[in-house]
Amino acid sequence: MRKPQYDAGQNIRREVLGAAHVANADAATTPLDAPFQQLITEAAWGTVWASDQISRRERSMLTLALLAALGNFDEIPMHIRATVNTGATPQDIAETFQHVAIYAGVPRANHALKLAKKTYAEMAAEEVATDSLAGDSHDAP
């Protein structure tokens, strides 16, 4: 039986990471990692991210700072993409990584910033591609 935090967590994951990301993660879940997926959905998303004590913008910034400070770089692009949904701006993230540089080390902050720049560039290219596929040429009178 699933806990209410699971359903709340799935909803928040969709809101923050996007429906496609959650659908892909769910589709990739196997019996080996199903308990882990349930744990992070309930604890991280259904409890921590569900709290209204701080904003999602602030949570994004904290999450990115912790990921960088601890060297968990694989998660950074996913959470950079999520900033579109949380309200954290590129300037917020630059400030976040400056904080990381002072308190956790310049090399980690530098690498995190490199990943952020790459991810923002990919997002911009995807937006241009989506606009052109939608016929949004911006040349119309």
N, C-alpha and C. Protein backbone atom coordinates (compact mmCIF):
# COMPACT_ATOMS: atom_id res chain seq x y z
N MET A 1 0.83 -1.18 0.00
CA MET A 1 0.00 0.00 0.00
C MET A 1 0.89 1.25 0.00
N ARG A 2 0.57 2.18 -0.91
CA ARG A 2 1.36 3.39 -1.00
C ARG A 2 0.91 4.40 0.05
N LYS A 3 1.88 5.17 0.51
CA LYS A 3 1.60 6.23 1.47
C LYS A 3 1.10 7.47 0.72
N PRO A 4 0.36 8.34 1.41
CA PRO A 4 -0.08 9.59 0.76
C PRO A 4 1.10 10.43 0.26
N GLN A 5 2.25 10.30 0.93
CA GLN A 5 3.44 11.04 0.50
C GLN A 5 3.90 10.61 -0.89
N TYR A 6 3.60 9.35 -1.25
CA TYR A 6 4.01 8.87 -2.57
C TYR A 6 3.27 9.64 -3.66
N ASP A 7 1.96 9.71 -3.53
CA ASP A 7 1.17 10.42 -4.54
C ASP A 7 1.52 11.90 -4.58
N ALA A 8 1.67 12.50 -3.40
CA ALA A 8 2.08 13.90 -3.35
C ALA A 8 3.46 14.07 -3.99
N GLY A 9 4.36 13.14 -3.69
CA GLY A 9 5.70 13.20 -4.26
C GLY A 9 5.70 13.08 -5.77
N GLN A 10 4.89 12.19 -6.31
CA GLN A 10 4.80 12.06 -7.77
C GLN A 10 4.30 13.36 -8.39
N ASN A 11 3.31 13.97 -7.77
CA ASN A 11 2.77 15.23 -8.30
C ASN A 11 3.82 16.33 -8.26
N ILE A 12 4.55 16.43 -7.16
CA ILE A 12 5.57 17.47 -7.05
C ILE A 12 6.72 17.20 -8.01
N ARG A 13 7.11 15.95 -8.15
CA ARG A 13 8.16 15.60 -9.14
C ARG A 13 7.75 16.06 -10.53
N ARG A 14 6.48 15.81 -10.90
CA ARG A 14 6.00 16.24 -12.22
C ARG A 14 6.05 17.76 -12.35
N GLU A 15 5.64 18.46 -11.30
CA GLU A 15 5.64 19.93 -11.33
C GLU A 15 7.06 20.49 -11.43
N VAL A 16 8.00 19.88 -10.73
CA VAL A 16 9.36 20.40 -10.68
C VAL A 16 10.21 19.89 -11.84
N LEU A 17 10.20 18.59 -12.07
CA LEU A 17 11.09 17.99 -13.08
C LEU A 17 10.43 17.84 -14.44
N GLY A 18 9.12 17.89 -14.48
CA GLY A 18 8.39 17.73 -15.74
C GLY A 18 7.83 16.33 -15.87
N ALA A 19 6.68 16.26 -16.51
CA ALA A 19 5.97 14.99 -16.68
C ALA A 19 6.80 13.97 -17.47
N ALA A 20 7.49 14.43 -18.50
CA ALA A 20 8.28 13.51 -19.33
C ALA A 20 9.40 12.87 -18.51
N HIS A 21 10.07 13.65 -17.68
CA HIS A 21 11.14 13.11 -16.85
C HIS A 21 10.60 12.03 -15.91
N VAL A 22 9.48 12.31 -15.27
CA VAL A 22 8.90 11.35 -14.32
C VAL A 22 8.42 10.11 -15.06
N ALA A 23 7.81 10.28 -16.20
CA ALA A 23 7.37 9.12 -16.98
C ALA A 23 8.56 8.25 -17.38
N ASN A 24 9.65 8.86 -17.80
CA ASN A 24 10.85 8.10 -18.16
C ASN A 24 11.43 7.37 -16.96
N ALA A 25 11.47 8.05 -15.81
CA ALA A 25 11.98 7.41 -14.59
C ALA A 25 11.10 6.24 -14.18
N ASP A 26 9.79 6.43 -14.24
CA ASP A 26 8.86 5.35 -13.89
C ASP A 26 9.02 4.16 -14.84
N ALA A 27 9.16 4.46 -16.12
CA ALA A 27 9.30 3.39 -17.12
C ALA A 27 10.60 2.61 -16.93
N ALA A 28 11.62 3.27 -16.41
CA ALA A 28 12.92 2.62 -16.23
C ALA A 28 13.03 1.88 -14.90
N THR A 29 12.03 2.00 -14.05
CA THR A 29 12.07 1.35 -12.74
C THR A 29 11.93 -0.16 -12.89
N THR A 30 12.79 -0.87 -12.18
CA THR A 30 12.78 -2.33 -12.19
C THR A 30 12.52 -2.83 -10.76
N PRO A 31 12.30 -4.12 -10.59
CA PRO A 31 12.14 -4.63 -9.22
C PRO A 31 13.34 -4.33 -8.32
N LEU A 32 14.53 -4.21 -8.91
CA LEU A 32 15.73 -3.92 -8.13
C LEU A 32 15.67 -2.53 -7.50
N ASP A 33 15.24 -1.53 -8.27
CA ASP A 33 15.27 -0.17 -7.75
C ASP A 33 13.90 0.38 -7.36
N ALA A 34 12.85 -0.41 -7.46
CA ALA A 34 11.51 0.07 -7.10
C ALA A 34 11.44 0.55 -5.64
N PRO A 35 12.02 -0.17 -4.68
CA PRO A 35 11.98 0.34 -3.30
C PRO A 35 12.72 1.67 -3.15
N PHE A 36 13.82 1.83 -3.86
CA PHE A 36 14.56 3.09 -3.83
C PHE A 36 13.72 4.22 -4.42
N GLN A 37 13.09 3.95 -5.57
CA GLN A 37 12.24 4.97 -6.20
C GLN A 37 11.10 5.37 -5.27
N GLN A 38 10.53 4.40 -4.59
CA GLN A 38 9.46 4.71 -3.64
C GLN A 38 10.00 5.58 -2.51
N LEU A 39 11.17 5.23 -1.98
CA LEU A 39 11.78 5.99 -0.90
C LEU A 39 12.00 7.45 -1.30
N ILE A 40 12.63 7.68 -2.45
CA ILE A 40 12.92 9.07 -2.81
C ILE A 40 11.64 9.83 -3.17
N THR A 41 10.67 9.13 -3.74
CA THR A 41 9.41 9.80 -4.06
C THR A 41 8.70 10.23 -2.79
N GLU A 42 8.66 9.36 -1.79
CA GLU A 42 7.98 9.69 -0.54
C GLU A 42 8.78 10.67 0.31
N ALA A 43 10.07 10.40 0.49
CA ALA A 43 10.87 11.21 1.42
C ALA A 43 11.31 12.54 0.80
N ALA A 44 11.96 12.47 -0.35
CA ALA A 44 12.48 13.70 -0.95
C ALA A 44 11.35 14.57 -1.50
N TRP A 45 10.52 13.97 -2.33
CA TRP A 45 9.49 14.75 -3.02
C TRP A 45 8.22 14.91 -2.22
N GLY A 46 7.75 13.85 -1.58
CA GLY A 46 6.48 13.90 -0.86
C GLY A 46 6.56 14.47 0.54
N THR A 47 7.78 14.62 1.06
CA THR A 47 7.95 15.20 2.39
C THR A 47 8.76 16.49 2.32
N VAL A 48 10.02 16.42 1.89
CA VAL A 48 10.88 17.60 1.90
C VAL A 48 10.41 18.65 0.89
N TRP A 49 10.29 18.27 -0.39
CA TRP A 49 9.86 19.23 -1.40
C TRP A 49 8.40 19.65 -1.19
N ALA A 50 7.62 18.85 -0.50
CA ALA A 50 6.21 19.18 -0.26
C ALA A 50 6.03 20.23 0.83
N SER A 51 7.03 20.43 1.64
CA SER A 51 6.93 21.42 2.72
C SER A 51 6.84 22.83 2.13
N ASP A 52 5.99 23.63 2.72
CA ASP A 52 5.86 25.01 2.25
C ASP A 52 6.65 26.00 3.11
N GLN A 53 7.56 25.50 3.89
CA GLN A 53 8.35 26.36 4.77
C GLN A 53 9.36 27.21 4.02
N ILE A 54 9.84 26.72 2.89
CA ILE A 54 10.67 27.53 1.99
C ILE A 54 10.15 27.33 0.58
N SER A 55 10.46 28.27 -0.29
CA SER A 55 9.93 28.24 -1.65
C SER A 55 10.66 27.20 -2.51
N ARG A 56 10.05 26.85 -3.60
CA ARG A 56 10.71 25.93 -4.55
C ARG A 56 11.95 26.56 -5.15
N ARG A 57 11.92 27.87 -5.35
CA ARG A 57 13.11 28.59 -5.84
C ARG A 57 14.26 28.36 -4.87
N GLU A 58 13.99 28.57 -3.58
CA GLU A 58 15.03 28.38 -2.56
C GLU A 58 15.47 26.92 -2.49
N ARG A 59 14.52 26.00 -2.62
CA ARG A 59 14.87 24.57 -2.61
C ARG A 59 15.77 24.22 -3.78
N SER A 60 15.49 24.78 -4.95
CA SER A 60 16.35 24.54 -6.11
C SER A 60 17.77 25.00 -5.82
N MET A 61 17.89 26.19 -5.26
CA MET A 61 19.20 26.74 -4.97
C MET A 61 19.94 25.90 -3.93
N LEU A 62 19.22 25.49 -2.88
CA LEU A 62 19.83 24.64 -1.86
C LEU A 62 20.26 23.29 -2.44
N THR A 63 19.38 22.72 -3.23
CA THR A 63 19.68 21.41 -3.82
C THR A 63 20.92 21.49 -4.70
N LEU A 64 20.98 22.50 -5.56
CA LEU A 64 22.14 22.65 -6.43
C LEU A 64 23.41 22.92 -5.64
N ALA A 65 23.31 23.71 -4.59
CA ALA A 65 24.49 23.97 -3.75
C ALA A 65 24.99 22.69 -3.10
N LEU A 66 24.05 21.90 -2.57
CA LEU A 66 24.46 20.65 -1.92
C LEU A 66 25.03 19.65 -2.92
N LEU A 67 24.40 19.55 -4.07
CA LEU A 67 24.91 18.63 -5.09
C LEU A 67 26.34 19.00 -5.47
N ALA A 68 26.57 20.30 -5.70
CA ALA A 68 27.91 20.75 -6.08
C ALA A 68 28.90 20.55 -4.94
N ALA A 69 28.50 20.94 -3.74
CA ALA A 69 29.41 20.86 -2.60
C ALA A 69 29.83 19.42 -2.31
N LEU A 70 28.91 18.50 -2.52
CA LEU A 70 29.21 17.09 -2.25
C LEU A 70 29.77 16.35 -3.47
N GLY A 71 29.88 17.04 -4.59
CA GLY A 71 30.44 16.43 -5.79
C GLY A 71 29.48 15.49 -6.50
N ASN A 72 28.20 15.65 -6.29
CA ASN A 72 27.18 14.82 -6.97
C ASN A 72 26.77 15.48 -8.27
N PHE A 73 27.69 15.53 -9.20
CA PHE A 73 27.53 16.31 -10.42
C PHE A 73 26.52 15.72 -11.41
N ASP A 74 26.27 14.43 -11.36
CA ASP A 74 25.34 13.82 -12.31
C ASP A 74 23.93 14.38 -12.19
N GLU A 75 23.56 14.83 -11.00
CA GLU A 75 22.20 15.35 -10.76
C GLU A 75 22.05 16.82 -11.13
N ILE A 76 23.15 17.52 -11.32
CA ILE A 76 23.08 18.97 -11.54
C ILE A 76 22.31 19.34 -12.81
N PRO A 77 22.57 18.74 -13.96
CA PRO A 77 21.79 19.14 -15.14
C PRO A 77 20.28 18.97 -14.96
N MET A 78 19.85 17.89 -14.33
CA MET A 78 18.42 17.67 -14.10
C MET A 78 17.85 18.81 -13.25
N HIS A 79 18.57 19.21 -12.22
CA HIS A 79 18.06 20.26 -11.34
C HIS A 79 18.21 21.65 -11.96
N ILE A 80 19.16 21.84 -12.86
CA ILE A 80 19.22 23.10 -13.62
C ILE A 80 17.97 23.20 -14.50
N ARG A 81 17.63 22.11 -15.17
CA ARG A 81 16.42 22.11 -16.01
C ARG A 81 15.17 22.39 -15.17
N ALA A 82 15.15 21.91 -13.95
CA ALA A 82 13.99 22.11 -13.09
C ALA A 82 13.81 23.57 -12.69
N THR A 83 14.85 24.37 -12.79
CA THR A 83 14.71 25.78 -12.38
C THR A 83 13.68 26.52 -13.23
N VAL A 84 13.42 26.04 -14.43
CA VAL A 84 12.36 26.63 -15.26
C VAL A 84 11.03 26.56 -14.51
N ASN A 85 10.83 25.51 -13.74
CA ASN A 85 9.58 25.30 -13.02
C ASN A 85 9.60 25.80 -11.57
N THR A 86 10.80 26.08 -11.05
CA THR A 86 10.88 26.51 -9.65
C THR A 86 11.08 28.01 -9.49
N GLY A 87 11.46 28.67 -10.56
CA GLY A 87 11.65 30.12 -10.49
C GLY A 87 13.07 30.56 -10.18
N ALA A 88 13.97 29.64 -9.97
CA ALA A 88 15.37 30.01 -9.75
C ALA A 88 15.97 30.44 -11.08
N THR A 89 16.53 31.62 -11.12
CA THR A 89 17.08 32.18 -12.36
C THR A 89 18.54 31.77 -12.54
N PRO A 90 19.06 31.95 -13.75
CA PRO A 90 20.50 31.70 -13.94
C PRO A 90 21.35 32.55 -12.99
N GLN A 91 20.93 33.77 -12.70
CA GLN A 91 21.67 34.61 -11.76
C GLN A 91 21.63 34.01 -10.35
N ASP A 92 20.46 33.46 -9.97
CA ASP A 92 20.37 32.78 -8.67
C ASP A 92 21.36 31.63 -8.59
N ILE A 93 21.45 30.88 -9.68
CA ILE A 93 22.32 29.71 -9.68
C ILE A 93 23.79 30.13 -9.68
N ALA A 94 24.13 31.20 -10.40
CA ALA A 94 25.50 31.72 -10.36
C ALA A 94 25.88 32.12 -8.93
N GLU A 95 24.96 32.79 -8.24
CA GLU A 95 25.21 33.17 -6.84
C GLU A 95 25.34 31.93 -5.95
N THR A 96 24.51 30.94 -6.22
CA THR A 96 24.57 29.70 -5.46
C THR A 96 25.94 29.06 -5.58
N PHE A 97 26.45 28.98 -6.80
CA PHE A 97 27.74 28.33 -7.00
C PHE A 97 28.90 29.19 -6.48
N GLN A 98 28.73 30.51 -6.41
CA GLN A 98 29.75 31.33 -5.76
C GLN A 98 29.81 30.99 -4.27
N HIS A 99 28.65 30.77 -3.69
CA HIS A 99 28.60 30.37 -2.28
C HIS A 99 29.32 29.03 -2.10
N VAL A 100 29.07 28.11 -3.02
CA VAL A 100 29.74 26.81 -2.98
C VAL A 100 31.26 27.00 -3.04
N ALA A 101 31.70 27.89 -3.91
CA ALA A 101 33.14 28.11 -4.06
C ALA A 101 33.78 28.51 -2.73
N ILE A 102 33.13 29.39 -2.01
CA ILE A 102 33.69 29.87 -0.75
C ILE A 102 33.62 28.81 0.35
N TYR A 103 32.49 28.11 0.44
CA TYR A 103 32.28 27.21 1.56
C TYR A 103 32.62 25.75 1.29
N ALA A 104 32.74 25.37 0.02
CA ALA A 104 33.01 23.95 -0.28
C ALA A 104 34.15 23.74 -1.26
N GLY A 105 34.60 24.80 -1.89
CA GLY A 105 35.75 24.66 -2.77
C GLY A 105 35.51 25.14 -4.19
N VAL A 106 36.50 25.84 -4.70
CA VAL A 106 36.44 26.40 -6.04
C VAL A 106 36.32 25.32 -7.12
N PRO A 107 37.08 24.21 -7.06
CA PRO A 107 36.96 23.22 -8.13
C PRO A 107 35.54 22.66 -8.28
N ARG A 108 34.87 22.40 -7.17
CA ARG A 108 33.50 21.87 -7.25
C ARG A 108 32.55 22.92 -7.82
N ALA A 109 32.68 24.14 -7.37
CA ALA A 109 31.82 25.21 -7.89
C ALA A 109 32.10 25.44 -9.37
N ASN A 110 33.36 25.40 -9.75
CA ASN A 110 33.74 25.61 -11.15
C ASN A 110 33.13 24.53 -12.04
N HIS A 111 33.20 23.28 -11.59
CA HIS A 111 32.63 22.19 -12.38
C HIS A 111 31.10 22.31 -12.45
N ALA A 112 30.48 22.66 -11.34
CA ALA A 112 29.03 22.83 -11.33
C ALA A 112 28.62 23.96 -12.28
N LEU A 113 29.36 25.05 -12.28
CA LEU A 113 29.06 26.17 -13.17
C LEU A 113 29.23 25.76 -14.63
N LYS A 114 30.26 24.96 -14.90
CA LYS A 114 30.46 24.45 -16.26
C LYS A 114 29.25 23.61 -16.70
N LEU A 115 28.75 22.76 -15.82
CA LEU A 115 27.58 21.95 -16.13
C LEU A 115 26.34 22.81 -16.32
N ALA A 116 26.20 23.85 -15.50
CA ALA A 116 25.06 24.76 -15.63
C ALA A 116 25.11 25.48 -16.97
N LYS A 117 26.27 25.99 -17.35
CA LYS A 117 26.40 26.68 -18.64
C LYS A 117 26.03 25.76 -19.80
N LYS A 118 26.52 24.54 -19.75
CA LYS A 118 26.22 23.57 -20.80
C LYS A 118 24.72 23.26 -20.84
N THR A 119 24.12 23.08 -19.68
CA THR A 119 22.70 22.74 -19.62
C THR A 119 21.85 23.90 -20.09
N TYR A 120 22.16 25.12 -19.66
CA TYR A 120 21.41 26.29 -20.13
C TYR A 120 21.53 26.44 -21.65
N ALA A 121 22.71 26.18 -22.20
CA ALA A 121 22.89 26.25 -23.66
C ALA A 121 22.04 25.20 -24.36
N GLU A 122 22.01 23.99 -23.82
CA GLU A 122 21.17 22.92 -24.39
C GLU A 122 19.69 23.31 -24.33
N MET A 123 19.29 23.88 -23.21
CA MET A 123 17.89 24.29 -23.05
C MET A 123 17.52 25.37 -24.06
N ALA A 124 18.43 26.32 -24.28
CA ALA A 124 18.17 27.39 -25.26
C ALA A 124 18.06 26.80 -26.66
N ALA A 125 18.94 25.86 -27.00
CA ALA A 125 18.90 25.23 -28.32
C ALA A 125 17.61 24.43 -28.49
N GLU A 126 17.18 23.75 -27.44
CA GLU A 126 15.93 22.99 -27.50
C GLU A 126 14.74 23.92 -27.69
N GLU A 127 14.78 25.08 -27.05
CA GLU A 127 13.68 26.04 -27.18
C GLU A 127 13.61 26.58 -28.61
N VAL A 128 14.77 26.87 -29.20
CA VAL A 128 14.81 27.33 -30.58
C VAL A 128 14.26 26.25 -31.51
N ALA A 129 14.68 25.01 -31.29
CA ALA A 129 14.21 23.90 -32.12
C ALA A 129 12.70 23.72 -31.98
N THR A 130 12.20 23.83 -30.76
CA THR A 130 10.76 23.69 -30.52
C THR A 130 10.00 24.82 -31.19
N ASP A 131 10.53 26.03 -31.09
CA ASP A 131 9.87 27.18 -31.72
C ASP A 131 9.81 27.02 -33.24
N SER A 132 10.91 26.53 -33.83
CA SER A 132 10.92 26.36 -35.28
C SER A 132 10.02 25.24 -35.73
N LEU A 133 9.90 24.18 -34.93
CA LEU A 133 8.97 23.09 -35.26
C LEU A 133 7.53 23.54 -35.16
N ALA A 134 7.27 24.47 -34.26
CA ALA A 134 5.91 24.97 -34.07
C ALA A 134 5.56 26.05 -35.07
N GLY A 135 6.50 26.39 -35.94
CA GLY A 135 6.24 27.42 -36.94
C GLY A 135 6.35 28.82 -36.39
N ASP A 136 6.98 28.96 -35.25
CA ASP A 136 7.15 30.25 -34.61
C ASP A 136 8.42 30.89 -35.13
N SER A 137 8.34 31.50 -36.31
CA SER A 137 9.53 32.03 -36.93
C SER A 137 9.84 33.45 -36.48
N HIS A 138 8.94 34.07 -35.78
CA HIS A 138 9.10 35.45 -35.32
C HIS A 138 9.24 36.42 -36.47
N ASP A 139 8.97 35.98 -37.72
CA ASP A 139 9.05 36.87 -38.88
C ASP A 139 7.67 37.35 -39.31
N ALA A 140 6.65 36.85 -38.68
CA ALA A 140 5.29 37.23 -39.08
C ALA A 140 5.04 38.68 -38.68
N PRO A 141 4.25 39.40 -39.49
CA PRO A 141 3.97 40.80 -39.17
C PRO A 141 3.14 40.94 -37.92
